N, C-alpha and C. Protein backbone atom coordinates (compact mmCIF):
# COMPACT_ATOMS: atom_id res chain seq x y z
N MET A 1 25.31 204.63 94.63
CA MET A 1 26.37 203.89 95.26
C MET A 1 27.61 204.78 95.43
N LYS A 2 27.97 205.51 94.34
CA LYS A 2 29.13 206.38 94.43
C LYS A 2 28.91 207.47 95.47
N LEU A 3 27.70 207.93 95.59
CA LEU A 3 27.38 208.97 96.55
C LEU A 3 27.58 208.47 97.98
N LYS A 4 27.22 207.21 98.23
CA LYS A 4 27.40 206.62 99.55
C LYS A 4 28.88 206.54 99.90
N VAL A 5 29.72 206.11 98.97
CA VAL A 5 31.16 205.98 99.20
C VAL A 5 31.77 207.34 99.49
N VAL A 6 31.41 208.35 98.74
CA VAL A 6 31.93 209.71 98.96
C VAL A 6 31.49 210.22 100.31
N ALA A 7 30.23 209.99 100.66
CA ALA A 7 29.71 210.43 101.96
C ALA A 7 30.45 209.74 103.09
N MET A 8 30.77 208.45 102.95
CA MET A 8 31.48 207.71 103.99
C MET A 8 32.91 208.22 104.12
N LYS A 9 33.55 208.52 102.98
CA LYS A 9 34.91 209.04 103.04
C LYS A 9 34.91 210.41 103.72
N PHE A 10 33.93 211.24 103.39
CA PHE A 10 33.82 212.57 104.01
C PHE A 10 33.60 212.43 105.51
N ALA A 11 32.76 211.51 105.90
CA ALA A 11 32.48 211.29 107.33
C ALA A 11 33.74 210.80 108.03
N SER A 12 34.51 209.95 107.38
CA SER A 12 35.75 209.44 107.97
C SER A 12 36.76 210.57 108.18
N VAL A 13 36.90 211.43 107.17
CA VAL A 13 37.82 212.57 107.27
C VAL A 13 37.36 213.51 108.36
N LEU A 14 36.08 213.80 108.40
CA LEU A 14 35.52 214.68 109.42
C LEU A 14 35.74 214.09 110.82
N PHE A 15 35.51 212.81 110.99
CA PHE A 15 35.71 212.13 112.27
C PHE A 15 37.18 212.26 112.68
N PHE A 16 38.10 211.98 111.76
CA PHE A 16 39.53 212.07 112.05
C PHE A 16 39.91 213.49 112.47
N CYS A 17 39.45 214.48 111.72
CA CYS A 17 39.79 215.88 112.01
C CYS A 17 39.24 216.33 113.37
N CYS A 18 38.09 215.87 113.72
CA CYS A 18 37.45 216.33 114.96
C CYS A 18 37.99 215.63 116.20
N PHE A 19 38.39 214.36 116.07
CA PHE A 19 38.74 213.60 117.27
C PHE A 19 40.23 213.27 117.39
N PHE A 20 40.91 212.96 116.33
CA PHE A 20 42.29 212.55 116.43
C PHE A 20 43.28 213.69 116.22
N LEU A 21 43.01 214.59 115.32
CA LEU A 21 43.93 215.67 115.03
C LEU A 21 44.20 216.55 116.25
N PRO A 22 43.18 216.93 117.05
CA PRO A 22 43.48 217.77 118.22
C PRO A 22 44.41 217.09 119.22
N LEU A 23 44.42 215.77 119.28
CA LEU A 23 45.30 215.07 120.21
C LEU A 23 46.76 215.19 119.81
N SER A 24 47.02 215.40 118.54
CA SER A 24 48.40 215.46 118.07
C SER A 24 48.96 216.88 118.05
N LEU A 25 48.14 217.86 118.34
CA LEU A 25 48.60 219.25 118.31
C LEU A 25 49.36 219.59 119.58
N THR A 26 50.28 220.53 119.48
CA THR A 26 50.99 220.99 120.66
C THR A 26 50.11 221.95 121.44
N ALA A 27 50.53 222.30 122.66
CA ALA A 27 49.75 223.22 123.49
C ALA A 27 49.54 224.55 122.79
N GLN A 28 50.52 224.99 122.01
CA GLN A 28 50.40 226.28 121.32
C GLN A 28 49.33 226.23 120.23
N ASP A 29 49.06 225.03 119.65
CA ASP A 29 48.09 224.90 118.57
C ASP A 29 46.66 224.73 119.09
N ARG A 30 46.52 224.40 120.35
CA ARG A 30 45.18 224.15 120.89
C ARG A 30 44.49 225.46 121.22
N ASP A 31 43.30 225.35 121.82
CA ASP A 31 42.50 226.52 122.14
C ASP A 31 43.03 227.32 123.32
N PHE A 32 43.97 226.76 124.10
CA PHE A 32 44.48 227.50 125.26
C PHE A 32 45.99 227.69 125.10
N PRO A 33 46.50 228.86 125.47
CA PRO A 33 47.94 229.08 125.38
C PRO A 33 48.67 228.40 126.53
N ILE A 34 49.94 228.13 126.34
CA ILE A 34 50.75 227.48 127.38
C ILE A 34 50.89 228.39 128.60
N ASP A 35 50.68 229.70 128.41
CA ASP A 35 50.76 230.64 129.53
C ASP A 35 49.69 230.36 130.57
N ASP A 36 48.64 229.62 130.21
CA ASP A 36 47.57 229.30 131.15
C ASP A 36 47.97 228.19 132.11
N ILE A 37 49.09 227.50 131.85
CA ILE A 37 49.56 226.45 132.74
C ILE A 37 50.36 227.12 133.84
N PRO A 38 50.00 226.92 135.12
CA PRO A 38 50.73 227.60 136.19
C PRO A 38 52.15 227.05 136.33
N THR A 39 53.02 227.87 136.85
CA THR A 39 54.41 227.48 137.12
C THR A 39 54.57 227.28 138.61
N ALA A 40 55.21 226.20 138.99
CA ALA A 40 55.48 225.94 140.41
C ALA A 40 56.37 227.04 140.97
N ALA A 41 56.20 227.33 142.25
CA ALA A 41 56.99 228.38 142.91
C ALA A 41 58.44 227.92 143.10
N GLU A 42 59.36 228.85 142.92
CA GLU A 42 60.78 228.57 143.08
C GLU A 42 61.07 228.18 144.54
N PRO A 43 61.95 227.22 144.76
CA PRO A 43 62.28 226.81 146.13
C PRO A 43 62.91 227.94 146.95
N VAL A 44 62.71 227.86 148.27
CA VAL A 44 63.26 228.84 149.20
C VAL A 44 64.19 228.09 150.15
N PHE A 45 65.37 228.68 150.42
CA PHE A 45 66.38 228.06 151.27
C PHE A 45 66.45 228.76 152.62
N SER A 46 66.54 227.97 153.69
CA SER A 46 66.67 228.54 155.02
C SER A 46 67.68 227.72 155.82
N PRO A 47 68.79 228.33 156.25
CA PRO A 47 69.15 229.72 156.03
C PRO A 47 69.50 229.95 154.56
N PRO A 48 69.50 231.22 154.15
CA PRO A 48 69.84 231.53 152.76
C PRO A 48 71.34 231.32 152.52
N GLY A 49 71.75 231.39 151.28
CA GLY A 49 73.18 231.27 150.97
C GLY A 49 73.96 232.34 151.70
N GLY A 50 75.22 232.05 152.00
CA GLY A 50 76.06 233.01 152.69
C GLY A 50 77.27 232.34 153.30
N ASN A 51 78.00 233.11 154.11
CA ASN A 51 79.20 232.62 154.79
C ASN A 51 78.85 232.28 156.23
N TYR A 52 79.27 231.10 156.67
CA TYR A 52 78.96 230.63 158.01
C TYR A 52 80.22 230.05 158.65
N LEU A 53 80.29 230.13 159.97
CA LEU A 53 81.46 229.64 160.70
C LEU A 53 81.37 228.16 161.03
N THR A 54 80.17 227.59 160.98
CA THR A 54 80.00 226.17 161.29
C THR A 54 79.11 225.52 160.23
N SER A 55 79.05 224.20 160.27
CA SER A 55 78.17 223.46 159.36
C SER A 55 76.75 223.98 159.49
N LYS A 56 75.99 223.86 158.43
CA LYS A 56 74.61 224.36 158.42
C LYS A 56 73.65 223.26 157.97
N SER A 57 72.49 223.23 158.64
CA SER A 57 71.39 222.37 158.23
C SER A 57 70.47 223.27 157.41
N VAL A 58 70.33 222.97 156.13
CA VAL A 58 69.57 223.83 155.21
C VAL A 58 68.23 223.16 154.87
N THR A 59 67.15 223.90 155.08
CA THR A 59 65.80 223.46 154.76
C THR A 59 65.41 224.08 153.42
N VAL A 60 64.78 223.29 152.57
CA VAL A 60 64.31 223.77 151.27
C VAL A 60 62.79 223.60 151.24
N THR A 61 62.08 224.68 150.94
CA THR A 61 60.62 224.64 150.91
C THR A 61 60.10 225.27 149.61
N SER A 62 58.81 225.06 149.37
CA SER A 62 58.15 225.66 148.21
C SER A 62 56.77 226.14 148.64
N ARG A 63 56.34 227.24 148.04
CA ARG A 63 54.99 227.75 148.31
C ARG A 63 53.94 227.03 147.46
N THR A 64 54.36 226.07 146.63
CA THR A 64 53.41 225.31 145.83
C THR A 64 52.99 224.08 146.62
N PRO A 65 51.73 224.02 147.09
CA PRO A 65 51.28 222.88 147.88
C PRO A 65 51.37 221.57 147.10
N GLY A 66 51.78 220.51 147.77
CA GLY A 66 51.82 219.18 147.15
C GLY A 66 52.95 218.99 146.15
N ALA A 67 53.89 219.92 146.12
CA ALA A 67 54.98 219.84 145.14
C ALA A 67 56.10 218.94 145.65
N THR A 68 56.89 218.45 144.72
CA THR A 68 58.10 217.68 145.01
C THR A 68 59.29 218.57 144.70
N ILE A 69 60.23 218.65 145.63
CA ILE A 69 61.45 219.44 145.41
C ILE A 69 62.57 218.47 145.08
N ARG A 70 63.25 218.76 144.00
CA ARG A 70 64.42 217.96 143.61
C ARG A 70 65.63 218.86 143.67
N TYR A 71 66.81 218.26 143.97
CA TYR A 71 68.00 219.09 144.19
C TYR A 71 69.28 218.37 143.76
N THR A 72 70.35 219.16 143.63
CA THR A 72 71.70 218.62 143.43
C THR A 72 72.65 219.39 144.35
N LEU A 73 73.74 218.73 144.69
CA LEU A 73 74.79 219.35 145.52
C LEU A 73 76.13 219.35 144.79
N ASN A 74 76.15 218.89 143.54
CA ASN A 74 77.41 218.75 142.81
C ASN A 74 77.52 219.72 141.64
N ASN A 75 76.81 220.84 141.72
CA ASN A 75 76.86 221.90 140.72
C ASN A 75 76.35 221.47 139.35
N THR A 76 75.48 220.46 139.30
CA THR A 76 74.85 220.10 138.04
C THR A 76 73.41 220.60 138.06
N ALA A 77 72.86 220.81 136.88
CA ALA A 77 71.49 221.30 136.76
C ALA A 77 70.51 220.29 137.33
N VAL A 78 69.44 220.78 137.92
CA VAL A 78 68.40 219.93 138.48
C VAL A 78 67.50 219.43 137.35
N THR A 79 67.19 218.14 137.37
CA THR A 79 66.28 217.55 136.38
C THR A 79 65.17 216.81 137.13
N SER A 80 64.22 216.30 136.37
CA SER A 80 63.11 215.57 136.98
C SER A 80 63.55 214.23 137.57
N SER A 81 64.81 213.85 137.37
CA SER A 81 65.32 212.61 137.97
C SER A 81 66.36 212.88 139.06
N SER A 82 66.57 214.14 139.42
CA SER A 82 67.51 214.47 140.50
C SER A 82 66.95 213.97 141.84
N ALA A 83 67.79 213.98 142.86
CA ALA A 83 67.39 213.51 144.19
C ALA A 83 66.18 214.29 144.70
N ILE A 84 65.29 213.59 145.39
CA ILE A 84 64.10 214.22 145.98
C ILE A 84 64.46 214.70 147.38
N TYR A 85 64.13 215.96 147.64
CA TYR A 85 64.36 216.54 148.97
C TYR A 85 63.33 215.97 149.95
N SER A 86 63.83 215.43 151.09
CA SER A 86 62.89 214.87 152.07
C SER A 86 63.23 215.27 153.50
N ALA A 87 64.43 215.84 153.71
CA ALA A 87 64.85 216.24 155.06
C ALA A 87 65.92 217.32 154.90
N PRO A 88 66.13 218.13 155.95
CA PRO A 88 67.17 219.17 155.86
C PRO A 88 68.52 218.60 155.42
N LEU A 89 69.25 219.40 154.65
CA LEU A 89 70.55 219.00 154.13
C LEU A 89 71.64 219.51 155.06
N LEU A 90 72.51 218.64 155.55
CA LEU A 90 73.62 219.05 156.41
C LEU A 90 74.79 219.42 155.51
N ILE A 91 75.14 220.69 155.50
CA ILE A 91 76.22 221.20 154.66
C ILE A 91 77.44 221.43 155.55
N THR A 92 78.53 220.70 155.26
CA THR A 92 79.73 220.76 156.10
C THR A 92 80.92 221.41 155.41
N LYS A 93 80.79 221.70 154.12
CA LYS A 93 81.87 222.38 153.39
C LYS A 93 81.22 223.25 152.33
N ASN A 94 82.00 224.05 151.63
CA ASN A 94 81.45 224.95 150.62
C ASN A 94 80.63 224.14 149.61
N THR A 95 79.37 224.55 149.44
CA THR A 95 78.45 223.79 148.59
C THR A 95 77.48 224.73 147.88
N LEU A 96 77.25 224.46 146.60
CA LEU A 96 76.21 225.14 145.84
C LEU A 96 75.02 224.18 145.80
N ILE A 97 73.91 224.59 146.44
CA ILE A 97 72.69 223.79 146.42
C ILE A 97 71.83 224.34 145.28
N ARG A 98 71.39 223.45 144.40
CA ARG A 98 70.49 223.83 143.32
C ARG A 98 69.20 223.03 143.50
N ALA A 99 68.06 223.70 143.40
CA ALA A 99 66.78 223.00 143.62
C ALA A 99 65.72 223.53 142.67
N ARG A 100 64.75 222.67 142.39
CA ARG A 100 63.63 223.02 141.51
C ARG A 100 62.38 222.31 142.03
N THR A 101 61.24 222.98 141.90
CA THR A 101 59.96 222.43 142.36
C THR A 101 59.19 221.84 141.18
N TYR A 102 58.64 220.64 141.40
CA TYR A 102 57.84 219.96 140.38
C TYR A 102 56.48 219.61 140.97
N ARG A 103 55.43 219.74 140.15
CA ARG A 103 54.10 219.30 140.54
C ARG A 103 53.32 219.00 139.28
N GLN A 104 52.59 217.90 139.30
CA GLN A 104 51.77 217.53 138.14
C GLN A 104 50.78 218.64 137.86
N GLY A 105 50.64 218.98 136.58
CA GLY A 105 49.73 220.04 136.16
C GLY A 105 50.37 221.42 136.21
N PHE A 106 51.62 221.50 136.61
CA PHE A 106 52.35 222.76 136.69
C PHE A 106 53.63 222.64 135.85
N LEU A 107 54.09 223.77 135.35
CA LEU A 107 55.41 223.80 134.75
C LEU A 107 56.42 223.77 135.89
N PRO A 108 57.62 223.17 135.69
CA PRO A 108 58.63 223.19 136.75
C PRO A 108 59.02 224.63 137.09
N SER A 109 59.40 224.84 138.34
CA SER A 109 59.82 226.18 138.77
C SER A 109 61.15 226.55 138.13
N GLU A 110 61.50 227.81 138.26
CA GLU A 110 62.85 228.23 137.94
C GLU A 110 63.77 227.54 138.95
N GLU A 111 65.01 227.35 138.57
CA GLU A 111 65.96 226.73 139.49
C GLU A 111 66.39 227.74 140.54
N GLY A 112 66.28 227.37 141.79
CA GLY A 112 66.75 228.20 142.89
C GLY A 112 68.12 227.72 143.33
N THR A 113 68.95 228.64 143.79
CA THR A 113 70.28 228.25 144.24
C THR A 113 70.62 228.93 145.57
N ALA A 114 71.46 228.27 146.32
CA ALA A 114 72.00 228.83 147.56
C ALA A 114 73.43 228.34 147.68
N THR A 115 74.38 229.27 147.81
CA THR A 115 75.77 228.91 148.02
C THR A 115 76.07 229.05 149.50
N ILE A 116 76.40 227.93 150.11
CA ILE A 116 76.74 227.90 151.53
C ILE A 116 78.25 227.77 151.63
N ASN A 117 78.89 228.80 152.17
CA ASN A 117 80.35 228.78 152.38
C ASN A 117 80.61 228.60 153.87
N ILE A 118 81.36 227.56 154.20
CA ILE A 118 81.75 227.33 155.58
C ILE A 118 83.17 227.87 155.74
N LEU A 119 83.28 228.88 156.58
CA LEU A 119 84.59 229.51 156.78
C LEU A 119 85.43 228.67 157.72
N THR A 120 86.71 228.66 157.46
CA THR A 120 87.64 228.00 158.35
C THR A 120 87.76 228.86 159.61
N ALA A 121 87.74 228.21 160.76
CA ALA A 121 87.86 228.95 162.02
C ALA A 121 89.21 229.66 162.07
N ALA A 122 89.19 230.89 162.54
CA ALA A 122 90.41 231.70 162.62
C ALA A 122 91.36 231.16 163.68
N PRO A 123 92.66 231.19 163.40
CA PRO A 123 93.62 230.78 164.42
C PRO A 123 93.78 231.87 165.47
N SER A 124 94.34 231.51 166.61
CA SER A 124 94.61 232.52 167.64
C SER A 124 96.12 232.61 167.85
N ILE A 125 96.57 233.84 168.10
CA ILE A 125 98.00 234.12 168.27
C ILE A 125 98.24 234.45 169.74
N SER A 126 99.30 233.87 170.29
CA SER A 126 99.66 234.13 171.68
C SER A 126 101.15 234.49 171.76
N PRO A 127 101.52 235.55 172.43
CA PRO A 127 100.66 236.51 173.11
C PRO A 127 99.88 237.34 172.10
N ASN A 128 98.78 237.91 172.58
CA ASN A 128 97.88 238.66 171.72
C ASN A 128 98.26 240.13 171.70
N GLY A 129 99.47 240.42 171.26
CA GLY A 129 99.94 241.80 171.15
C GLY A 129 100.52 242.33 172.45
N GLY A 130 101.07 243.51 172.36
CA GLY A 130 101.65 244.16 173.53
C GLY A 130 103.08 244.58 173.28
N ASN A 131 103.70 245.19 174.29
CA ASN A 131 105.10 245.60 174.23
C ASN A 131 105.89 244.65 175.11
N PHE A 132 106.98 244.13 174.58
CA PHE A 132 107.78 243.15 175.30
C PHE A 132 109.24 243.56 175.26
N VAL A 133 109.96 243.23 176.29
CA VAL A 133 111.39 243.50 176.36
C VAL A 133 112.11 242.19 176.10
N GLY A 134 113.08 242.24 175.20
CA GLY A 134 113.86 241.04 174.90
C GLY A 134 113.15 240.15 173.88
N THR A 135 113.46 238.88 173.94
CA THR A 135 112.89 237.90 173.01
C THR A 135 111.51 237.47 173.48
N THR A 136 110.61 237.32 172.50
CA THR A 136 109.25 236.88 172.80
C THR A 136 108.92 235.65 171.95
N GLN A 137 108.41 234.63 172.63
CA GLN A 137 107.99 233.43 171.90
C GLN A 137 106.54 233.60 171.47
N VAL A 138 106.28 233.32 170.19
CA VAL A 138 104.93 233.44 169.64
C VAL A 138 104.44 232.05 169.23
N SER A 139 103.22 231.75 169.62
CA SER A 139 102.61 230.49 169.17
C SER A 139 101.25 230.80 168.53
N ILE A 140 100.90 229.98 167.58
CA ILE A 140 99.63 230.15 166.86
C ILE A 140 98.88 228.82 166.96
N SER A 141 97.62 228.89 167.40
CA SER A 141 96.84 227.65 167.49
C SER A 141 95.69 227.67 166.49
N ALA A 142 95.43 226.47 165.99
CA ALA A 142 94.37 226.29 164.98
C ALA A 142 93.00 226.44 165.62
N GLY A 143 92.07 227.00 164.85
CA GLY A 143 90.69 227.13 165.31
C GLY A 143 89.93 225.81 165.24
N SER A 144 90.37 224.90 164.37
CA SER A 144 89.76 223.57 164.27
C SER A 144 90.77 222.62 163.63
N SER A 145 90.47 221.34 163.67
CA SER A 145 91.41 220.35 163.13
C SER A 145 91.42 220.38 161.60
N GLY A 146 92.49 219.88 161.03
CA GLY A 146 92.60 219.80 159.57
C GLY A 146 93.01 221.08 158.89
N GLN A 147 93.39 222.08 159.66
CA GLN A 147 93.77 223.37 159.07
C GLN A 147 95.27 223.44 158.82
N THR A 148 95.63 224.24 157.83
CA THR A 148 97.01 224.64 157.61
C THR A 148 97.06 226.12 157.96
N ILE A 149 97.94 226.48 158.86
CA ILE A 149 98.05 227.88 159.26
C ILE A 149 99.25 228.50 158.54
N ARG A 150 99.00 229.65 157.94
CA ARG A 150 100.06 230.42 157.29
C ARG A 150 100.14 231.76 158.00
N TYR A 151 101.35 232.36 158.01
CA TYR A 151 101.51 233.58 158.78
C TYR A 151 102.55 234.50 158.15
N THR A 152 102.54 235.76 158.61
CA THR A 152 103.59 236.73 158.25
C THR A 152 103.99 237.46 159.54
N THR A 153 105.19 238.01 159.54
CA THR A 153 105.68 238.77 160.70
C THR A 153 106.05 240.20 160.31
N ASN A 154 105.73 240.60 159.10
CA ASN A 154 106.12 241.94 158.62
C ASN A 154 104.92 242.82 158.29
N ASN A 155 103.77 242.56 158.92
CA ASN A 155 102.55 243.34 158.76
C ASN A 155 101.98 243.30 157.34
N THR A 156 102.30 242.27 156.57
CA THR A 156 101.72 242.11 155.23
C THR A 156 100.57 241.11 155.31
N SER A 157 99.71 241.15 154.31
CA SER A 157 98.57 240.23 154.28
C SER A 157 99.05 238.80 154.12
N VAL A 158 98.34 237.89 154.75
CA VAL A 158 98.65 236.47 154.65
C VAL A 158 97.99 235.93 153.38
N SER A 159 98.73 235.08 152.66
CA SER A 159 98.19 234.46 151.45
C SER A 159 98.51 232.98 151.46
N GLU A 160 98.07 232.29 150.43
CA GLU A 160 98.33 230.84 150.33
C GLU A 160 99.80 230.53 150.08
N THR A 161 100.61 231.55 149.83
CA THR A 161 102.04 231.34 149.62
C THR A 161 102.88 231.79 150.82
N SER A 162 102.22 232.32 151.87
CA SER A 162 102.95 232.71 153.08
C SER A 162 103.50 231.46 153.76
N PRO A 163 104.51 231.63 154.64
CA PRO A 163 105.09 230.46 155.31
C PRO A 163 104.04 229.69 156.12
N ILE A 164 104.21 228.37 156.18
CA ILE A 164 103.32 227.51 156.97
C ILE A 164 103.84 227.49 158.41
N TYR A 165 102.94 227.66 159.35
CA TYR A 165 103.29 227.61 160.77
C TYR A 165 103.51 226.16 161.16
N THR A 166 104.68 225.88 161.75
CA THR A 166 105.01 224.51 162.17
C THR A 166 105.24 224.41 163.67
N GLY A 167 105.36 225.54 164.35
CA GLY A 167 105.57 225.53 165.79
C GLY A 167 105.95 226.91 166.27
N PRO A 168 106.06 227.09 167.60
CA PRO A 168 106.39 228.41 168.16
C PRO A 168 107.69 228.96 167.56
N PHE A 169 107.75 230.29 167.45
CA PHE A 169 108.95 230.96 166.94
C PHE A 169 109.25 232.16 167.82
N GLN A 170 110.47 232.65 167.71
CA GLN A 170 110.96 233.75 168.55
C GLN A 170 110.96 235.06 167.75
N LEU A 171 110.54 236.14 168.42
CA LEU A 171 110.66 237.49 167.86
C LEU A 171 111.69 238.23 168.71
N THR A 172 112.63 238.85 168.03
CA THR A 172 113.68 239.59 168.75
C THR A 172 113.58 241.09 168.50
N ALA A 173 112.65 241.48 167.65
CA ALA A 173 112.45 242.90 167.34
C ALA A 173 110.95 243.15 167.18
N SER A 174 110.59 244.41 167.08
CA SER A 174 109.18 244.78 166.91
C SER A 174 108.64 244.13 165.63
N ALA A 175 107.47 243.57 165.71
CA ALA A 175 106.88 242.89 164.55
C ALA A 175 105.36 242.84 164.71
N THR A 176 104.68 242.75 163.57
CA THR A 176 103.24 242.52 163.57
C THR A 176 103.01 241.15 162.96
N VAL A 177 102.46 240.26 163.76
CA VAL A 177 102.22 238.89 163.31
C VAL A 177 100.76 238.78 162.87
N ARG A 178 100.57 238.24 161.68
CA ARG A 178 99.23 237.97 161.16
C ARG A 178 99.17 236.49 160.79
N ALA A 179 98.00 235.89 160.97
CA ALA A 179 97.84 234.47 160.64
C ALA A 179 96.47 234.23 160.01
N LYS A 180 96.43 233.20 159.17
CA LYS A 180 95.18 232.82 158.51
C LYS A 180 95.17 231.30 158.39
N ALA A 181 94.02 230.70 158.58
CA ALA A 181 93.88 229.25 158.46
C ALA A 181 93.28 228.89 157.11
N TYR A 182 93.77 227.81 156.55
CA TYR A 182 93.29 227.28 155.27
C TYR A 182 92.90 225.83 155.46
N ARG A 183 91.86 225.41 154.74
CA ARG A 183 91.41 224.03 154.81
C ARG A 183 90.74 223.69 153.48
N THR A 184 91.08 222.56 152.91
CA THR A 184 90.53 222.14 151.63
C THR A 184 89.00 222.04 151.71
N GLY A 185 88.34 222.64 150.71
CA GLY A 185 86.88 222.60 150.64
C GLY A 185 86.20 223.69 151.44
N TYR A 186 86.97 224.56 152.08
CA TYR A 186 86.43 225.64 152.91
C TYR A 186 87.04 226.96 152.46
N ASN A 187 86.39 228.06 152.83
CA ASN A 187 86.99 229.37 152.61
C ASN A 187 88.03 229.61 153.69
N ALA A 188 89.06 230.38 153.38
CA ALA A 188 90.09 230.71 154.36
C ALA A 188 89.46 231.51 155.50
N SER A 189 90.10 231.43 156.66
CA SER A 189 89.60 232.22 157.80
C SER A 189 89.75 233.70 157.50
N VAL A 190 89.06 234.50 158.27
CA VAL A 190 89.13 235.96 158.09
C VAL A 190 89.98 236.59 159.16
């Protein structure tokens, strides 16, 4: 009788070790290393990050077939609950796009990023240089709406602290006029 009880206990322990214990082990403890699990391909952005003069429609793709691409536009890390990419992203101001590829049976990809900078359109100066006799009226026009134009008349670089252009002004002596446009959320004009 005692032999039967011992044999049953041994069989129970053996059954537990063979069937339940492997289910509780991590991937590193099992017969295959985690390196055998493929990693999804990092997303690709088209056009790539860079400086652009107009809004851009950005396409995000992955070389991993059947994968889901998730992304953020607010400079936060991409997670498995981030927005799902389903159509090109229209970028109208400076934006850091972060994306990651997910697919069942694969490790998530590395996070891919693309910084899209939309440059403010450069202002135009009239007259556009030359030699003039007497007083010359100078006007500066914005390259697009919503810009603040700053300028200098002494051949120095324009900065965010240079005077704001409010209307035409008169030059009575030789001068070099430079202007730059600024707009919130955009890079300054070049």
